[in-house]
C-alpha atoms as a PDB file:
ATOM      1  CA  MET A   1     121.577  -6.902-110.554  1.00  0.00           C
ATOM      2  CA  GLN A   2     125.019  -5.360-110.173  1.00  0.00           C
ATOM      3  CA  LEU A   3     125.986  -1.180-110.190  1.00  0.00           C
ATOM      4  CA  ARG A   4     128.955   0.420-111.101  1.00  0.00           C
ATOM      5  CA  VAL A   5     129.521   3.628-109.214  1.00  0.00           C
ATOM      6  CA  GLY A   6     132.097   6.103-108.595  1.00  0.00           C
ATOM      7  CA  PHE A   7     133.640   9.408-109.509  1.00  0.00           C
ATOM      8  CA  GLU A   8     136.534  11.788-110.234  1.00  0.00           C
ATOM      9  CA  MET A   9     137.074  15.257-108.808  1.00  0.00           C
ATOM     10  CA  VAL A  10     140.031  16.995-109.842  1.00  0.00           C
ATOM     11  CA  TYR A  11     140.965  19.910-107.753  1.00  0.00           C
ATOM     12  CA  ASP A  12     143.405  22.954-108.378  1.00  0.00           C
ATOM     13  CA  CYS A  13     144.729  24.019-104.888  1.00  0.00           C
ATOM     14  CA  PRO A  14     147.406  26.924-104.381  1.00  0.00           C
ATOM     15  CA  ALA A  15     148.327  25.843-100.927  1.00  0.00           C
ATOM     16  CA  PRO A  16     148.105  22.727 -98.722  1.00  0.00           C
ATOM     17  CA  THR A  17     144.227  22.418 -98.282  1.00  0.00           C
ATOM     18  CA  PRO A  18     142.660  20.283 -95.940  1.00  0.00           C
ATOM     19  CA  MET A  19     139.351  18.888 -96.870  1.00  0.00           C
ATOM     20  CA  ILE A  20     136.760  16.844 -94.866  1.00  0.00           C
ATOM     21  CA  LEU A  21     134.991  14.353 -97.381  1.00  0.00           C
ATOM     22  CA  ALA A  22     132.000  12.324 -96.971  1.00  0.00           C
ATOM     23  CA  LEU A  23     132.276  10.163-100.361  1.00  0.00           C
ATOM     24  CA  ASN A  24     131.930   6.677 -99.419  1.00  0.00           C
ATOM     25  CA  ILE A  25     128.805   4.682 -99.957  1.00  0.00           C
ATOM     26  CA  HIS A  26     127.090   4.506 -96.427  1.00  0.00           C
ATOM     27  CA  HIS A  27     127.674   1.593 -93.958  1.00  0.00           C
ATOM     28  CA  SER A  28     124.517   0.248 -94.375  1.00  0.00           C
ATOM     29  CA  ARG A  29     125.233  -1.072 -97.864  1.00  0.00           C
ATOM     30  CA  ALA A  30     128.934  -2.091 -97.046  1.00  0.00           C
ATOM     31  CA  PRO A  31     127.410  -6.018 -97.097  1.00  0.00           C
ATOM     32  CA  ASP A  32     126.710  -5.321-100.902  1.00  0.00           C
ATOM     33  CA  LEU A  33     130.032  -4.134-101.997  1.00  0.00           C
ATOM     34  CA  VAL A  34     131.550  -6.447-104.504  1.00  0.00           C
ATOM     35  CA  ARG A  35     134.711  -4.343-105.297  1.00  0.00           C
ATOM     36  CA  PRO A  36     135.046  -1.665-102.246  1.00  0.00           C
ATOM     37  CA  ASP A  37     134.630   2.129-102.610  1.00  0.00           C
ATOM     38  CA  LEU A  38     138.371   2.959-101.753  1.00  0.00           C
ATOM     39  CA  LEU A  39     138.938   6.397-101.935  1.00  0.00           C
ATOM     40  CA  VAL A  40     142.096   6.843-104.208  1.00  0.00           C
ATOM     41  CA  THR A  41     143.865  10.058-104.163  1.00  0.00           C
ATOM     42  CA  SER A  42     146.550  11.690-106.931  1.00  0.00           C
ATOM     43  CA  PRO A  43     149.368  12.478-105.736  1.00  0.00           C
ATOM     44  CA  ALA A  44     148.908   9.956-102.656  1.00  0.00           C
ATOM     45  CA  VAL A  45     148.185  11.551 -99.319  1.00  0.00           C
ATOM     46  CA  PRO A  46     147.471  10.052 -95.926  1.00  0.00           C
ATOM     47  CA  ILE A  47     143.957   9.459 -95.168  1.00  0.00           C
ATOM     48  CA  THR A  48     142.181   9.076 -91.725  1.00  0.00           C
ATOM     49  CA  ALA A  49     138.335   8.258 -91.632  1.00  0.00           C
ATOM     50  CA  TYR A  50     135.645   8.542 -88.803  1.00  0.00           C
ATOM     51  CA  HIS A  51     131.812   8.306 -88.285  1.00  0.00           C
ATOM     52  CA  ASP A  52     130.425  11.627 -88.074  1.00  0.00           C
ATOM     53  CA  LEU A  53     127.577  12.416 -85.661  1.00  0.00           C
ATOM     54  CA  PHE A  54     124.877  11.097 -88.078  1.00  0.00           C
ATOM     55  CA  GLY A  55     126.619   7.724 -88.486  1.00  0.00           C
ATOM     56  CA  ASN A  56     128.381   8.880 -92.074  1.00  0.00           C
ATOM     57  CA  TRP A  57     131.710   7.600 -92.976  1.00  0.00           C
ATOM     58  CA  CYS A  58     134.010  10.506 -93.591  1.00  0.00           C
ATOM     59  CA  SER A  59     137.791  11.135 -94.626  1.00  0.00           C
ATOM     60  CA  ARG A  60     139.994  13.855 -93.571  1.00  0.00           C
ATOM     61  CA  ILE A  61     142.928  14.713 -95.867  1.00  0.00           C
ATOM     62  CA  VAL A  62     145.243  17.674 -96.604  1.00  0.00           C
ATOM     63  CA  ALA A  63     145.369  18.215-100.358  1.00  0.00           C
ATOM     64  CA  PRO A  64     148.819  19.347-101.829  1.00  0.00           C
ATOM     65  CA  PRO A  65     149.458  22.443-103.638  1.00  0.00           C
ATOM     66  CA  GLY A  66     148.706  21.859-107.495  1.00  0.00           C
ATOM     67  CA  ARG A  67     146.658  19.591-109.095  1.00  0.00           C
ATOM     68  CA  PHE A  68     144.907  16.935-106.742  1.00  0.00           C
ATOM     69  CA  VAL A  69     142.672  14.044-108.004  1.00  0.00           C
ATOM     70  CA  LEU A  70     139.908  12.305-106.026  1.00  0.00           C
ATOM     71  CA  SER A  71     138.355   9.057-107.389  1.00  0.00           C
ATOM     72  CA  THR A  72     136.892   5.747-106.314  1.00  0.00           C
ATOM     73  CA  ASP A  73     135.224   2.686-108.685  1.00  0.00           C
ATOM     74  CA  ALA A  74     133.240   0.502-106.593  1.00  0.00           C
ATOM     75  CA  LEU A  75     130.574  -2.657-107.860  1.00  0.00           C
ATOM     76  CA  VAL A  76     127.468  -2.589-105.589  1.00  0.00           C
ATOM     77  CA  ASN A  77     125.378  -5.734-105.557  1.00  0.00           C
ATOM     78  CA  ASP A  78     121.803  -4.555-105.530  1.00  0.00           C
ATOM     79  CA  SER A  79     118.121  -5.671-105.507  1.00  0.00           C
ATOM     80  CA  GLY A  80     116.895  -4.311-108.476  1.00  0.00           C
ATOM     81  CA  LEU A  81     113.512  -3.326-106.952  1.00  0.00           C
ATOM     82  CA  PRO A  82     112.184   0.138-106.796  1.00  0.00           C
ATOM     83  CA  ASP A  83     111.925   2.313-103.823  1.00  0.00           C
ATOM     84  CA  ILE A  84     109.246   0.753-101.382  1.00  0.00           C
ATOM     85  CA  VAL A  85     105.550   2.367-101.687  1.00  0.00           C
ATOM     86  CA  ALA A  86     103.773   1.767 -98.406  1.00  0.00           C
ATOM     87  CA  PRO A  87     100.484   3.397 -98.383  1.00  0.00           C
ATOM     88  CA  TRP A  88      99.495   1.867 -95.213  1.00  0.00           C
ATOM     89  CA  ALA A  89     102.315   3.646 -93.383  1.00  0.00           C
ATOM     90  CA  ILE A  90     100.689   5.726 -90.646  1.00  0.00           C
ATOM     91  CA  GLN A  91     102.005   9.005 -89.126  1.00  0.00           C
ATOM     92  CA  THR A  92     103.245   8.630 -85.535  1.00  0.00           C
ATOM     93  CA  PRO A  93     102.423  11.303 -82.840  1.00  0.00           C
ATOM     94  CA  VAL A  94     104.836  13.111 -81.866  1.00  0.00           C
ATOM     95  CA  GLU A  95     105.033  12.536 -78.560  1.00  0.00           C
ATOM     96  CA  LEU A  96     105.429   8.483 -79.510  1.00  0.00           C
ATOM     97  CA  LEU A  97     108.323   9.208 -81.713  1.00  0.00           C
ATOM     98  CA  PRO A  98     111.744   7.662 -80.871  1.00  0.00           C
ATOM     99  CA  GLU A  99     114.181  10.303 -79.487  1.00  0.00           C
ATOM    100  CA  SER A 100     116.539   9.585 -82.287  1.00  0.00           C
ATOM    101  CA  THR A 101     113.912  11.014 -84.661  1.00  0.00           C
ATOM    102  CA  LEU A 102     113.285  14.090 -82.867  1.00  0.00           C
ATOM    103  CA  VAL A 103     116.010  16.274 -84.233  1.00  0.00           C
ATOM    104  CA  TYR A 104     114.774  15.959 -88.055  1.00  0.00           C
ATOM    105  CA  LEU A 105     111.431  17.505 -86.709  1.00  0.00           C
ATOM    106  CA  LEU A 106     113.428  21.169 -86.208  1.00  0.00           C
ATOM    107  CA  GLY A 107     114.723  23.726 -88.661  1.00  0.00           C
ATOM    108  CA  SER A 108     118.233  23.180 -89.936  1.00  0.00           C
ATOM    109  CA  ARG A 109     120.370  25.450 -91.898  1.00  0.00           C
ATOM    110  CA  TYR A 110     118.423  25.073 -95.360  1.00  0.00           C
ATOM    111  CA  CYS A 111     115.123  24.107 -93.715  1.00  0.00           C
ATOM    112  CA  GLU A 112     113.426  27.149 -92.233  1.00  0.00           C
ATOM    113  CA  THR A 113     110.351  25.220 -90.649  1.00  0.00           C
ATOM    114  CA  ASP A 114     109.560  29.000 -88.785  1.00  0.00           C
ATOM    115  CA  GLN A 115     109.338  30.274 -92.369  1.00  0.00           C
ATOM    116  CA  LEU A 116     107.335  27.701 -93.853  1.00  0.00           C
ATOM    117  CA  SER A 117     104.939  26.306 -91.259  1.00  0.00           C
ATOM    118  CA  GLU A 118     101.951  28.490 -91.917  1.00  0.00           C
ATOM    119  CA  THR A 119     102.200  27.437 -95.559  1.00  0.00           C
ATOM    120  CA  ALA A 120     102.684  23.999 -95.101  1.00  0.00           C
ATOM    121  CA  TRP A 121      99.499  23.810 -92.875  1.00  0.00           C
ATOM    122  CA  GLN A 122      97.448  25.904 -95.001  1.00  0.00           C
ATOM    123  CA  LEU A 123      98.632  23.343 -98.088  1.00  0.00           C
ATOM    124  CA  PHE A 124      98.580  20.097 -96.177  1.00  0.00           C
ATOM    125  CA  GLY A 125      96.729  20.162 -92.911  1.00  0.00           C
ATOM    126  CA  HIS A 126      93.216  19.284 -94.288  1.00  0.00           C
ATOM    127  CA  GLY A 127      94.240  16.557 -96.219  1.00  0.00           C
ATOM    128  CA  PRO A 128      95.258  12.846 -95.283  1.00  0.00           C
ATOM    129  CA  THR A 129      97.985  11.898 -92.935  1.00  0.00           C
ATOM    130  CA  GLY A 130     100.755   9.392 -92.785  1.00  0.00           C
ATOM    131  CA  TRP A 131     101.900   8.194 -96.386  1.00  0.00           C
ATOM    132  CA  ALA A 132      99.671  10.050 -98.275  1.00  0.00           C
ATOM    133  CA  ARG A 133     100.869  13.486 -96.591  1.00  0.00           C
ATOM    134  CA  VAL A 134     104.120  13.020 -97.507  1.00  0.00           C
ATOM    135  CA  GLN A 135     103.090  12.051-101.127  1.00  0.00           C
ATOM    136  CA  ALA A 136     100.958  14.837-101.474  1.00  0.00           C
ATOM    137  CA  ILE A 137     104.051  17.379-100.412  1.00  0.00           C
ATOM    138  CA  CYS A 138     106.105  15.119-103.065  1.00  0.00           C
ATOM    139  CA  ASP A 139     103.549  16.086-105.510  1.00  0.00           C
ATOM    140  CA  PHE A 140     103.101  19.729-104.729  1.00  0.00           C
ATOM    141  CA  VAL A 141     107.022  19.974-104.384  1.00  0.00           C
ATOM    142  CA  HIS A 142     107.419  18.195-107.780  1.00  0.00           C
ATOM    143  CA  GLN A 143     104.982  20.460-109.628  1.00  0.00           C
ATOM    144  CA  HIS A 144     106.138  23.840-107.688  1.00  0.00           C
ATOM    145  CA  ILE A 145     109.767  23.937-108.541  1.00  0.00           C
ATOM    146  CA  GLU A 146     111.196  24.122-112.184  1.00  0.00           C
ATOM    147  CA  PHE A 147     114.252  21.545-112.449  1.00  0.00           C
ATOM    148  CA  GLY A 148     117.361  22.739-114.327  1.00  0.00           C
ATOM    149  CA  TYR A 149     121.209  22.498-113.631  1.00  0.00           C
ATOM    150  CA  HIS A 150     121.397  26.499-114.521  1.00  0.00           C
ATOM    151  CA  HIS A 151     119.502  27.259-111.397  1.00  0.00           C
ATOM    152  CA  ALA A 152     121.597  25.669-108.998  1.00  0.00           C
ATOM    153  CA  ARG A 153     122.847  28.001-106.295  1.00  0.00           C
ATOM    154  CA  ARG A 154     124.357  26.289-103.162  1.00  0.00           C
ATOM    155  CA  THR A 155     123.307  28.864-100.750  1.00  0.00           C
ATOM    156  CA  ARG A 156     119.620  28.345-101.794  1.00  0.00           C
ATOM    157  CA  THR A 157     117.403  27.228 -98.562  1.00  0.00           C
ATOM    158  CA  ALA A 158     113.696  25.671 -98.577  1.00  0.00           C
ATOM    159  CA  TRP A 159     112.197  29.096 -98.116  1.00  0.00           C
ATOM    160  CA  GLU A 160     113.958  30.463-101.147  1.00  0.00           C
ATOM    161  CA  ALA A 161     113.200  27.786-103.179  1.00  0.00           C
ATOM    162  CA  TYR A 162     109.725  27.761-102.688  1.00  0.00           C
ATOM    163  CA  ASN A 163     109.471  31.265-103.402  1.00  0.00           C
ATOM    164  CA  GLU A 164     111.689  30.836-106.464  1.00  0.00           C
ATOM    165  CA  GLY A 165     110.267  27.932-107.899  1.00  0.00           C
ATOM    166  CA  GLN A 166     113.509  26.817-109.242  1.00  0.00           C
ATOM    167  CA  GLY A 167     116.232  24.502-108.298  1.00  0.00           C
ATOM    168  CA  VAL A 168     117.925  21.225-108.586  1.00  0.00           C
ATOM    169  CA  CYS A 169     117.317  17.993-106.714  1.00  0.00           C
ATOM    170  CA  ARG A 170     118.438  19.251-103.475  1.00  0.00           C
ATOM    171  CA  ASP A 171     116.044  21.901-103.425  1.00  0.00           C
ATOM    172  CA  TYR A 172     113.397  19.666-104.043  1.00  0.00           C
ATOM    173  CA  ALA A 173     114.591  17.691-100.926  1.00  0.00           C
ATOM    174  CA  HIS A 174     114.905  20.664 -98.770  1.00  0.00           C
ATOM    175  CA  LEU A 175     111.441  21.956 -99.524  1.00  0.00           C
ATOM    176  CA  ALA A 176     109.603  18.738 -98.962  1.00  0.00           C
ATOM    177  CA  ILE A 177     111.913  18.014 -95.694  1.00  0.00           C
ATOM    178  CA  THR A 178     110.661  21.198 -94.629  1.00  0.00           C
ATOM    179  CA  PHE A 179     106.895  20.799 -95.298  1.00  0.00           C
ATOM    180  CA  CYS A 180     107.097  17.014 -93.651  1.00  0.00           C
ATOM    181  CA  ARG A 181     108.821  19.127 -90.490  1.00  0.00           C
ATOM    182  CA  CYS A 182     106.215  21.660 -90.371  1.00  0.00           C
ATOM    183  CA  MET A 183     103.405  18.802 -90.315  1.00  0.00           C
ATOM    184  CA  ASN A 184     105.296  16.944 -87.491  1.00  0.00           C
ATOM    185  CA  ILE A 185     106.497  14.206 -89.642  1.00  0.00           C
ATOM    186  CA  PRO A 186     110.388  13.739 -89.078  1.00  0.00           C
ATOM    187  CA  ALA A 187     112.460  13.954 -92.323  1.00  0.00           C
ATOM    188  CA  ARG A 188     116.213  13.766 -93.030  1.00  0.00           C
ATOM    189  CA  TYR A 189     118.223  14.859 -96.286  1.00  0.00           C
ATOM    190  CA  CYS A 190     119.962  11.984 -98.127  1.00  0.00           C
ATOM    191  CA  THR A 191     122.901  11.987-100.836  1.00  0.00           C
ATOM    192  CA  GLY A 192     124.302   9.177-103.037  1.00  0.00           C
ATOM    193  CA  TYR A 193     124.268   7.699-106.401  1.00  0.00           C
ATOM    194  CA  LEU A 194     121.250   7.593-108.494  1.00  0.00           C
ATOM    195  CA  GLY A 195     121.766   6.263-112.212  1.00  0.00           C
ATOM    196  CA  ASP A 196     119.453   6.191-115.193  1.00  0.00           C
ATOM    197  CA  ILE A 197     118.512   2.295-114.290  1.00  0.00           C
ATOM    198  CA  ARG A 198     116.239   0.950-116.671  1.00  0.00           C
ATOM    199  CA  ILE A 199     114.615   4.074-117.266  1.00  0.00           C
ATOM    200  CA  PRO A 200     115.020   6.165-120.661  1.00  0.00           C
ATOM    201  CA  PRO A 201     118.292   7.931-120.598  1.00  0.00           C
ATOM    202  CA  ILE A 202     118.101  11.800-119.122  1.00  0.00           C
ATOM    203  CA  PRO A 203     120.034  14.062-121.521  1.00  0.00           C
ATOM    204  CA  CYS A 204     121.927  15.615-118.563  1.00  0.00           C
ATOM    205  CA  PRO A 205     125.422  15.505-116.997  1.00  0.00           C
ATOM    206  CA  MET A 206     125.739  12.651-114.372  1.00  0.00           C
ATOM    207  CA  ASP A 207     125.580  14.117-110.840  1.00  0.00           C
ATOM    208  CA  PHE A 208     125.111  12.801-107.360  1.00  0.00           C
ATOM    209  CA  ALA A 209     121.437  13.130-106.345  1.00  0.00           C
ATOM    210  CA  GLY A 210     119.800  14.346-103.355  1.00  0.00           C
ATOM    211  CA  TRP A 211     116.452  12.918-101.702  1.00  0.00           C
ATOM    212  CA  PHE A 212     115.135  12.288 -98.293  1.00  0.00           C
ATOM    213  CA  GLU A 213     113.817   9.976 -95.921  1.00  0.00           C
ATOM    214  CA  ALA A 214     110.229  10.462 -93.937  1.00  0.00           C
ATOM    215  CA  TYR A 215     109.624   8.744 -90.247  1.00  0.00           C
ATOM    216  CA  LEU A 216     106.024   6.780 -90.655  1.00  0.00           C
ATOM    217  CA  GLY A 217     104.879   4.147 -88.162  1.00  0.00           C
ATOM    218  CA  ASP A 218     108.204   2.833 -87.149  1.00  0.00           C
ATOM    219  CA  GLN A 219     110.604   2.991 -89.948  1.00  0.00           C
ATOM    220  CA  TRP A 220     112.181   5.186 -92.298  1.00  0.00           C
ATOM    221  CA  TYR A 221     111.052   5.362 -96.116  1.00  0.00           C
ATOM    222  CA  THR A 222     112.651   6.704 -99.182  1.00  0.00           C
ATOM    223  CA  PHE A 223     110.610   9.908-100.637  1.00  0.00           C
ATOM    224  CA  ASP A 224     112.120  11.480-104.196  1.00  0.00           C
ATOM    225  CA  ALA A 225     110.267  14.919-104.949  1.00  0.00           C
ATOM    226  CA  ARG A 226     112.559  15.573-107.750  1.00  0.00           C
ATOM    227  CA  ASN A 227     111.604  12.574-109.772  1.00  0.00           C
ATOM    228  CA  ASN A 228     108.513  11.532-107.766  1.00  0.00           C
ATOM    229  CA  THR A 229     108.323   7.904-108.983  1.00  0.00           C
ATOM    230  CA  PRO A 230     109.853   4.899-107.333  1.00  0.00           C
ATOM    231  CA  ARG A 231     113.379   4.330-108.762  1.00  0.00           C
ATOM    232  CA  ILE A 232     115.736   1.183-108.938  1.00  0.00           C
ATOM    233  CA  GLY A 233     119.388   1.457-108.012  1.00  0.00           C
ATOM    234  CA  ARG A 234     119.509   4.117-105.534  1.00  0.00           C
ATOM    235  CA  VAL A 235     122.742   3.744-103.340  1.00  0.00           C
ATOM    236  CA  LEU A 236     123.287   5.839-100.020  1.00  0.00           C
ATOM    237  CA  MET A 237     126.101   7.660 -99.106  1.00  0.00           C
ATOM    238  CA  ALA A 238     125.165   9.910 -96.459  1.00  0.00           C
ATOM    239  CA  ARG A 239     122.279  11.275 -94.371  1.00  0.00           C
ATOM    240  CA  GLY A 240     121.841  14.574 -92.391  1.00  0.00           C
ATOM    241  CA  ARG A 241     119.340  17.352 -91.166  1.00  0.00           C
ATOM    242  CA  ASP A 242     120.195  19.097 -94.552  1.00  0.00           C
ATOM    243  CA  ALA A 243     122.936  19.299 -97.193  1.00  0.00           C
ATOM    244  CA  CYS A 244     124.851  21.350 -94.984  1.00  0.00           C
ATOM    245  CA  ASP A 245     125.561  17.896 -92.712  1.00  0.00           C
ATOM    246  CA  VAL A 246     126.469  15.731 -96.026  1.00  0.00           C
ATOM    247  CA  ALA A 247     128.726  18.004 -97.630  1.00  0.00           C
ATOM    248  CA  LEU A 248     130.658  15.802-100.208  1.00  0.00           C
ATOM    249  CA  ALA A 249     133.424  18.135 -99.838  1.00  0.00           C
ATOM    250  CA  SER A 250     134.196  20.446 -97.137  1.00  0.00           C
ATOM    251  CA  THR A 251     137.524  22.562 -97.724  1.00  0.00           C
ATOM    252  CA  PHE A 252     139.615  24.882 -95.819  1.00  0.00           C
ATOM    253  CA  GLY A 253     141.447  27.105 -98.170  1.00  0.00           C
ATOM    254  CA  LEU A 254     141.450  28.205-101.414  1.00  0.00           C
ATOM    255  CA  ASN A 255     140.829  25.738-104.311  1.00  0.00           C
ATOM    256  CA  THR A 256     139.043  25.413-107.986  1.00  0.00           C
ATOM    257  CA  LEU A 257     137.284  22.184-108.817  1.00  0.00           C
ATOM    258  CA  SER A 258     138.175  21.930-112.290  1.00  0.00           C
ATOM    259  CA  LYS A 259     136.768  18.586-113.180  1.00  0.00           C
ATOM    260  CA  PHE A 260     133.766  16.552-112.029  1.00  0.00           C
ATOM    261  CA  THR A 261     132.599  13.236-113.162  1.00  0.00           C
ATOM    262  CA  VAL A 262     130.060  10.941-111.560  1.00  0.00           C
ATOM    263  CA  TRP A 263     128.835   7.551-112.663  1.00  0.00           C
ATOM    264  CA  ALA A 264     126.341   4.992-111.634  1.00  0.00           C
ATOM    265  CA  ASP A 265     125.661   2.447-114.332  1.00  0.00           C
ATOM    266  CA  GLU A 266     124.206  -1.145-114.620  1.00  0.00           C
ATOM    267  CA  VAL A 267     126.741  -3.879-115.361  1.00  0.00           C
ATOM    268  CA  ARG A 268     124.950  -5.887-118.151  1.00  0.00           C
ATOM    269  CA  PRO A 269     126.112  -9.832-117.923  1.00  0.00           C
ATOM    270  CA  GLN A 270     128.878 -10.512-120.321  1.00  0.00           C
END
């Protein structure tokens, strides 16, 4: 299948404003790009690009004063298959984990393992391990948090999401990630496109999505505590310890985001 994905973001800046952007599709999906997700700015400004410490493709710009538009529109080939379900995947002992995964066992800005460790062991310490443990965490988080865009708060941490019982997709991911880390399972935050592909339309504005990956056996697997069901058409943009590492736009100056539109749709054959 083929997907059309993209966005338009309109800023109003009172002065020249440096920005760091993580708005491109992850390099692991580069072979799938039929039409590249070239970042377009209006007015046009110089763009420099680099890979960050997590391997994400980032851009640096300076937005001029006034109205400033960022956009992209890509076509992506996709297998059309849902997220992999692997109930046989085992939990790897910490001493055998690859060094590259160890950072994803530690607490981070939005994932306070020290605050939630005791709770995690009380909830999941006596149950199964491996895939079944991560799925039990997803089941709990899915039921525990009430979803609503009116609940969105960019400063909410996993500890606060657990105590408040409400949030948006990033809060589901942060809480599930934290529980996984507390149970000695490496887990990392993911952001990207996830449209209503081959499911009943969801009556909410389209947005970027947050989910997570857990390391089981010898590989990373996708989990989604918000939707808690395998989905089709997931397009990764960036990965990190939590949402702090994969901020779509980090701005260094006063600005107002006056418009925000995202699309991720299946392209039907003509």
